[in-house]
Amino acid sequence: MKKNYLLIDIFRNHNYDFIEQQIGIPLITVRPPSFLKKKQLCWLAGCLRVLRLSSRNDTIICVFDFQAVICSLLCSWFHLQRKIICINVMLKDKKTFKNKMVSKLYRKAFTQDQFFATVTSTEYGRWLNKKLRTNVDFTLLRDVFHEHYHTDFDGLYNNAVFCGGWNGRDWKFMLEVAREMPDVPFNLVMHKGVKEKLNETIPQNVSLYTSISADQFYQLMCESSLLCLPLDTEAPAGLLVMFHAAANEVMTITTDTVVTREYISNGRGMVLKNDIIQWKGCIDHFLGDTYHRRKFAKNLQRFLREECSEEKYVETIKEMIHE
């Protein structure tokens, strides 16, 4: 009898219990050994563990896309027959040697017969095929909007702009925008290492945080009037923060990418090119337009509830298992 395995990435603080609870078929959860602190070793160990536990023609669902690639390559090298389901590819478009090498690994995995991948944006799937010169039939699987993203917030909204997160943020551009708007307070939350590499003078109207809890992060976001997410990649980035903002009726302004325009367009927020004049004008306008700011946030919240539900997510995975 074929078995289904769910390989978890312990370095990502995401809750996947709902998959096991709602999928309606036996699912064996596998976690990498927690004693390995180096991410790369942990990812490899997790792949080896799930391949060892599984048998011929079993299905392995990888919630971290790079682990799916590793599993696929190991199967190819050791002639193992496994069906690999890769959840939401997040390959970036950086022009670095490392990214070029990683892209080759993804391309190799995409050409395997038993490798099936999802993307959180249809247009991003087309972009991947063009970048890697492949012809993959990606399955659309939007990231999940959980109802618990709503924060109990009883404070007052201020006229501040919030920008926070770890991957894909164009921090230099955000600081340039802040310099052009000295009368507007900006709250920025970034990784300590990113701040050290920035080598930028922080404007007086910017409050910069590097070591705060998740609760403090989202409290700071909820107190702000706008969420701004300037991005430096076409790959999925900032969606989790954007979902939290929508749940708390905070409007999003973000960079126009092949991913963001499928979420934010049609009156659900603003997508812009990374142009300082455009961002400054947009921020100015919506800080003074409470009605449309809240309306756009509510429109995004409605879209996420309808299109990004846990039920749709689980049903899509279930269909891929049975294909």
Protein backbone atom coordinates (compact mmCIF):
# COMPACT_ATOMS: atom_id res chain seq x y z
CA MET A 1 0.00 0.00 0.00
CA LYS A 2 1.36 3.41 -0.99
CA LYS A 3 2.10 5.86 1.83
CA ASN A 4 2.19 9.65 1.95
CA TYR A 5 4.87 11.61 3.82
CA LEU A 6 4.96 15.28 4.82
CA LEU A 7 8.52 16.60 5.21
CA ILE A 8 8.64 19.63 7.52
CA ASP A 9 11.25 22.40 7.54
CA ILE A 10 11.92 23.08 11.23
CA PHE A 11 13.54 26.45 10.47
CA ARG A 12 10.26 27.92 9.22
CA ASN A 13 7.79 28.90 11.90
CA HIS A 14 4.72 27.80 9.96
CA ASN A 15 1.83 25.72 11.25
CA TYR A 16 1.12 22.71 9.04
CA ASP A 17 -1.13 20.87 11.51
CA PHE A 18 -4.17 21.90 9.49
CA ILE A 19 -2.94 19.79 6.55
CA GLU A 20 -2.87 16.63 8.67
CA GLN A 21 -6.20 17.51 10.28
CA GLN A 22 -8.11 18.27 7.06
CA ILE A 23 -6.61 16.13 4.32
CA GLY A 24 -8.66 13.04 5.14
CA ILE A 25 -5.98 10.51 4.13
CA PRO A 26 -3.12 8.96 6.15
CA LEU A 27 -0.14 11.29 6.26
CA ILE A 28 3.14 10.56 8.01
CA THR A 29 4.93 13.70 9.21
CA VAL A 30 8.73 13.64 9.10
CA ARG A 31 10.95 16.26 10.74
CA PRO A 32 14.71 16.66 10.30
CA PRO A 33 16.88 15.94 13.35
CA SER A 34 16.70 19.01 15.58
CA PHE A 35 20.24 18.68 16.95
CA LEU A 36 21.72 19.84 13.63
CA LYS A 37 22.04 23.61 13.84
CA LYS A 38 23.42 24.23 10.35
CA LYS A 39 20.46 24.59 8.01
CA GLN A 40 21.99 22.89 4.99
CA LEU A 41 22.93 19.78 6.98
CA CYS A 42 19.50 19.71 8.59
CA TRP A 43 17.74 19.93 5.21
CA LEU A 44 19.88 17.10 3.80
CA ALA A 45 19.34 14.96 6.89
CA GLY A 46 15.57 15.46 6.64
CA CYS A 47 15.62 14.36 3.00
CA LEU A 48 17.69 11.27 3.79
CA ARG A 49 15.36 10.41 6.67
CA VAL A 50 12.16 10.59 4.61
CA LEU A 51 13.72 8.64 1.73
CA ARG A 52 14.86 5.94 4.15
CA LEU A 53 11.40 5.69 5.76
CA SER A 54 9.49 5.67 2.47
CA SER A 55 9.24 2.94 -0.15
CA ARG A 56 8.95 2.63 -3.93
CA ASN A 57 6.19 4.85 -5.42
CA ASP A 58 5.34 6.50 -2.08
CA THR A 59 4.57 10.23 -2.14
CA ILE A 60 6.74 12.80 -0.35
CA ILE A 61 5.27 16.28 0.14
CA CYS A 62 7.96 18.88 0.88
CA VAL A 63 6.76 22.15 2.38
CA PHE A 64 10.18 23.71 1.70
CA ASP A 65 10.90 23.77 -2.03
CA PHE A 66 14.67 23.27 -1.80
CA GLN A 67 14.21 20.06 0.19
CA ALA A 68 11.96 18.80 -2.61
CA VAL A 69 14.79 19.52 -5.07
CA ILE A 70 17.27 17.65 -2.85
CA CYS A 71 14.89 14.66 -2.56
CA SER A 72 14.41 14.57 -6.32
CA LEU A 73 18.14 14.69 -7.03
CA LEU A 74 18.85 11.96 -4.48
CA CYS A 75 16.18 9.79 -6.09
CA SER A 76 17.78 10.35 -9.48
CA TRP A 77 21.28 9.55 -8.26
CA PHE A 78 20.32 6.41 -6.31
CA HIS A 79 17.59 5.22 -8.71
CA LEU A 80 14.78 5.52 -6.18
CA GLN A 81 11.15 5.71 -7.26
CA ARG A 82 9.34 8.39 -5.23
CA LYS A 83 6.67 10.90 -6.15
CA ILE A 84 7.89 14.32 -4.98
CA ILE A 85 5.42 17.17 -4.45
CA CYS A 86 7.20 20.50 -4.11
CA ILE A 87 5.12 23.11 -2.30
CA ASN A 88 5.43 26.61 -3.77
CA VAL A 89 8.73 27.15 -5.54
CA MET A 90 10.54 30.27 -4.31
CA LEU A 91 13.55 30.47 -6.60
CA LYS A 92 14.92 34.01 -6.69
CA ASP A 93 16.37 35.87 -9.64
CA LYS A 94 19.63 37.12 -8.14
CA LYS A 95 22.60 37.44 -10.50
CA THR A 96 25.03 35.61 -8.23
CA PHE A 97 27.12 32.48 -8.73
CA LYS A 98 25.22 30.76 -5.91
CA ASN A 99 21.85 31.51 -7.52
CA LYS A 100 23.09 30.24 -10.89
CA MET A 101 24.17 26.94 -9.32
CA VAL A 102 20.91 26.58 -7.39
CA SER A 103 18.91 27.36 -10.55
CA LYS A 104 20.63 24.46 -12.31
CA LEU A 105 19.56 22.12 -9.49
CA TYR A 106 15.96 23.32 -9.76
CA ARG A 107 16.02 22.87 -13.52
CA LYS A 108 17.31 19.30 -13.10
CA ALA A 109 14.53 18.52 -10.61
CA PHE A 110 11.85 20.07 -12.84
CA THR A 111 12.76 17.65 -15.64
CA GLN A 112 12.17 14.54 -13.49
CA ASP A 113 9.01 12.57 -14.31
CA GLN A 114 7.95 12.14 -10.68
CA PHE A 115 8.50 15.75 -9.60
CA PHE A 116 5.39 17.92 -9.26
CA ALA A 117 5.62 21.56 -8.20
CA THR A 118 3.21 24.27 -7.13
CA VAL A 119 3.48 28.05 -7.37
CA THR A 120 1.66 30.77 -5.48
CA SER A 121 1.15 32.81 -8.67
CA THR A 122 0.35 31.64 -12.20
CA GLU A 123 2.51 34.38 -13.69
CA TYR A 124 5.43 33.37 -11.48
CA GLY A 125 5.18 29.86 -12.95
CA ARG A 126 5.48 31.31 -16.45
CA TRP A 127 8.42 33.42 -15.28
CA LEU A 128 10.16 30.29 -13.89
CA ASN A 129 9.72 28.40 -17.16
CA LYS A 130 11.21 31.30 -19.07
CA LYS A 131 14.12 31.72 -16.63
CA LEU A 132 15.01 28.02 -16.56
CA ARG A 133 14.02 27.23 -20.16
CA THR A 134 11.63 24.52 -18.97
CA ASN A 135 8.05 23.62 -19.79
CA VAL A 136 6.64 22.66 -16.41
CA ASP A 137 2.89 22.47 -15.82
CA PHE A 138 2.89 24.11 -12.39
CA THR A 139 -0.13 23.77 -10.11
CA LEU A 140 -1.47 27.00 -8.62
CA LEU A 141 -1.45 26.79 -4.82
CA ARG A 142 -1.88 30.13 -3.10
CA ASP A 143 -0.32 30.59 0.33
CA VAL A 144 -2.77 30.12 3.18
CA PHE A 145 -4.65 32.94 4.86
CA HIS A 146 -5.27 31.76 8.43
CA GLU A 147 -8.04 33.35 10.49
CA HIS A 148 -5.69 33.60 13.49
CA TYR A 149 -3.68 36.26 11.63
CA HIS A 150 -6.05 38.80 13.17
CA THR A 151 -4.43 40.57 16.14
CA ASP A 152 -6.41 41.82 19.13
CA PHE A 153 -5.43 45.46 18.91
CA ASP A 154 -7.13 48.11 21.04
CA GLY A 155 -4.68 50.94 20.46
CA LEU A 156 -4.87 53.94 18.16
CA TYR A 157 -3.70 53.97 14.55
CA ASN A 158 -0.93 56.47 13.93
CA ASN A 159 0.10 58.12 10.70
CA ALA A 160 3.17 55.91 10.38
CA VAL A 161 4.44 53.61 7.63
CA PHE A 162 5.52 50.07 8.54
CA CYS A 163 7.98 47.88 6.65
CA GLY A 164 9.26 44.62 8.06
CA GLY A 165 10.40 41.10 7.26
CA TRP A 166 13.42 39.13 6.17
CA ASN A 167 13.49 38.05 2.53
CA GLY A 168 13.39 40.08 -0.66
CA ARG A 169 13.03 43.55 0.88
CA ASP A 170 14.66 46.48 -0.88
CA TRP A 171 15.75 48.25 2.28
CA LYS A 172 17.95 50.79 0.54
CA PHE A 173 14.98 51.94 -1.55
CA MET A 174 12.73 52.13 1.54
CA LEU A 175 15.24 54.38 3.28
CA GLU A 176 15.47 56.58 0.18
CA VAL A 177 11.68 57.01 0.22
CA ALA A 178 11.77 57.83 3.95
CA ARG A 179 14.39 60.53 3.37
CA GLU A 180 12.06 62.20 0.87
CA MET A 181 9.25 62.26 3.48
CA PRO A 182 10.85 63.72 6.64
CA ASP A 183 7.49 64.55 8.24
CA VAL A 184 6.23 60.93 8.05
CA PRO A 185 7.35 58.41 10.70
CA PHE A 186 8.61 55.06 9.35
CA ASN A 187 8.87 51.90 11.47
CA LEU A 188 11.30 49.39 9.95
CA VAL A 189 11.97 45.88 11.28
CA MET A 190 14.85 43.95 9.74
CA HIS A 191 17.38 41.28 10.60
CA LYS A 192 20.41 42.52 12.54
CA GLY A 193 22.76 41.22 9.85
CA VAL A 194 20.88 43.17 7.17
CA LYS A 195 21.25 46.39 9.15
CA GLU A 196 25.00 45.84 9.48
CA LYS A 197 25.36 45.29 5.72
CA LEU A 198 23.26 48.31 4.77
CA ASN A 199 25.95 50.84 5.64
CA GLU A 200 23.30 53.57 5.36
CA THR A 201 22.63 56.65 7.47
CA ILE A 202 19.26 56.21 9.14
CA PRO A 203 17.00 59.27 8.70
CA GLN A 204 15.64 60.90 11.88
CA ASN A 205 12.05 59.99 10.95
CA VAL A 206 12.91 56.26 10.86
CA SER A 207 12.64 53.98 13.89
CA LEU A 208 14.64 50.82 13.14
CA TYR A 209 14.18 47.57 15.06
CA THR A 210 16.23 44.37 14.78
CA SER A 211 15.43 42.27 17.84
CA ILE A 212 11.72 42.16 18.63
CA SER A 213 9.28 39.30 19.13
CA ALA A 214 6.66 38.27 16.57
CA ASP A 215 3.97 39.78 18.82
CA GLN A 216 5.82 43.09 18.94
CA PHE A 217 6.36 42.94 15.17
CA TYR A 218 2.65 42.61 14.39
CA GLN A 219 1.64 45.04 17.12
CA LEU A 220 3.88 47.66 15.50
CA MET A 221 2.34 46.86 12.12
CA CYS A 222 -1.21 47.18 13.47
CA GLU A 223 -0.43 50.58 14.94
CA SER A 224 0.66 51.84 11.51
CA SER A 225 -1.54 53.26 8.78
CA LEU A 226 0.23 51.61 5.85
CA LEU A 227 2.30 48.52 5.16
CA CYS A 228 5.01 49.21 2.56
CA LEU A 229 6.89 46.30 0.99
CA PRO A 230 9.44 47.39 -1.60
CA LEU A 231 10.87 44.17 -3.06
CA ASP A 232 14.02 43.30 -4.98
CA THR A 233 12.88 39.95 -6.40
CA GLU A 234 10.20 38.46 -8.64
CA ALA A 235 10.02 35.42 -6.34
CA PRO A 236 7.34 35.24 -3.62
CA ALA A 237 8.29 37.59 -0.78
CA GLY A 238 6.37 39.45 1.89
CA LEU A 239 3.15 37.46 1.52
CA LEU A 240 2.95 36.42 5.18
CA VAL A 241 3.28 40.02 6.38
CA MET A 242 0.81 41.15 3.72
CA PHE A 243 -1.72 38.55 4.90
CA HIS A 244 -1.35 39.70 8.52
CA ALA A 245 -1.86 43.30 7.40
CA ALA A 246 -5.04 42.43 5.49
CA ALA A 247 -6.39 40.52 8.49
CA ASN A 248 -6.00 43.69 10.55
CA GLU A 249 -7.27 46.08 7.84
CA VAL A 250 -3.88 47.68 7.16
CA MET A 251 -3.47 48.58 3.48
CA THR A 252 -0.45 47.31 1.51
CA ILE A 253 1.71 49.21 -0.97
CA THR A 254 4.25 46.92 -2.63
CA THR A 255 6.49 46.47 -5.65
CA ASP A 256 4.83 45.31 -8.86
CA THR A 257 6.07 41.73 -9.42
CA VAL A 258 4.71 38.61 -11.11
CA VAL A 259 3.50 37.48 -7.68
CA THR A 260 2.21 40.60 -5.95
CA ARG A 261 0.02 41.78 -8.82
CA GLU A 262 -2.08 38.60 -8.55
CA TYR A 263 -2.87 39.43 -4.92
CA ILE A 264 -2.89 43.22 -4.70
CA SER A 265 -4.45 44.37 -7.99
CA ASN A 266 -8.14 45.24 -8.58
CA GLY A 267 -8.65 47.57 -5.63
CA ARG A 268 -6.91 45.39 -3.04
CA GLY A 269 -3.87 47.63 -2.54
CA MET A 270 -1.26 49.34 -4.71
CA VAL A 271 1.53 47.79 -6.78
CA LEU A 272 4.21 50.21 -8.00
CA LYS A 273 7.54 50.20 -9.77
CA ASN A 274 10.41 50.99 -7.42
CA ASP A 275 10.30 54.68 -8.27
CA ILE A 276 10.76 57.14 -5.40
CA ILE A 277 8.36 59.74 -6.82
CA GLN A 278 5.59 57.13 -7.29
CA TRP A 279 6.00 55.74 -3.78
CA LYS A 280 6.14 59.17 -2.16
CA GLY A 281 2.98 60.30 -3.95
CA CYS A 282 1.13 57.08 -3.15
CA ILE A 283 2.06 57.14 0.55
CA ASP A 284 1.10 60.82 0.82
CA HIS A 285 -2.26 60.17 -0.82
CA PHE A 286 -3.33 57.18 1.26
CA LEU A 287 -2.12 58.57 4.58
CA GLY A 288 -4.73 61.26 3.97
CA ASP A 289 -7.44 58.94 2.65
CA THR A 290 -8.61 56.73 5.50
CA TYR A 291 -11.74 55.56 3.68
CA HIS A 292 -9.99 54.06 0.64
CA ARG A 293 -7.09 52.83 2.73
CA ARG A 294 -9.46 50.69 4.83
CA LYS A 295 -11.56 49.74 1.80
CA PHE A 296 -8.53 48.37 -0.09
CA ALA A 297 -7.43 46.41 2.98
CA LYS A 298 -10.91 44.91 3.40
CA ASN A 299 -11.02 44.00 -0.30
CA LEU A 300 -7.73 42.11 0.06
CA GLN A 301 -8.99 40.41 3.21
CA ARG A 302 -12.12 39.24 1.35
CA PHE A 303 -10.04 37.94 -1.57
CA LEU A 304 -7.70 36.03 0.75
CA ARG A 305 -10.58 34.43 2.63
CA GLU A 306 -12.10 33.22 -0.64
CA GLU A 307 -9.01 32.24 -2.63
CA CYS A 308 -6.42 31.35 0.03
CA SER A 309 -8.38 29.26 2.51
CA GLU A 310 -6.97 26.26 4.34
CA GLU A 311 -9.64 24.10 2.66
CA LYS A 312 -8.55 25.07 -0.88
CA TYR A 313 -4.91 24.53 0.02
CA VAL A 314 -5.49 21.06 1.42
CA GLU A 315 -7.82 20.03 -1.41
CA THR A 316 -5.20 20.99 -4.01
CA ILE A 317 -2.52 18.91 -2.28
CA LYS A 318 -4.94 15.99 -2.00
CA GLU A 319 -5.66 16.15 -5.74
CA MET A 320 -1.94 16.16 -6.52
CA ILE A 321 -1.41 13.08 -4.34
CA HIS A 322 -4.09 11.17 -6.27
CA GLU A 323 -2.93 12.26 -9.76
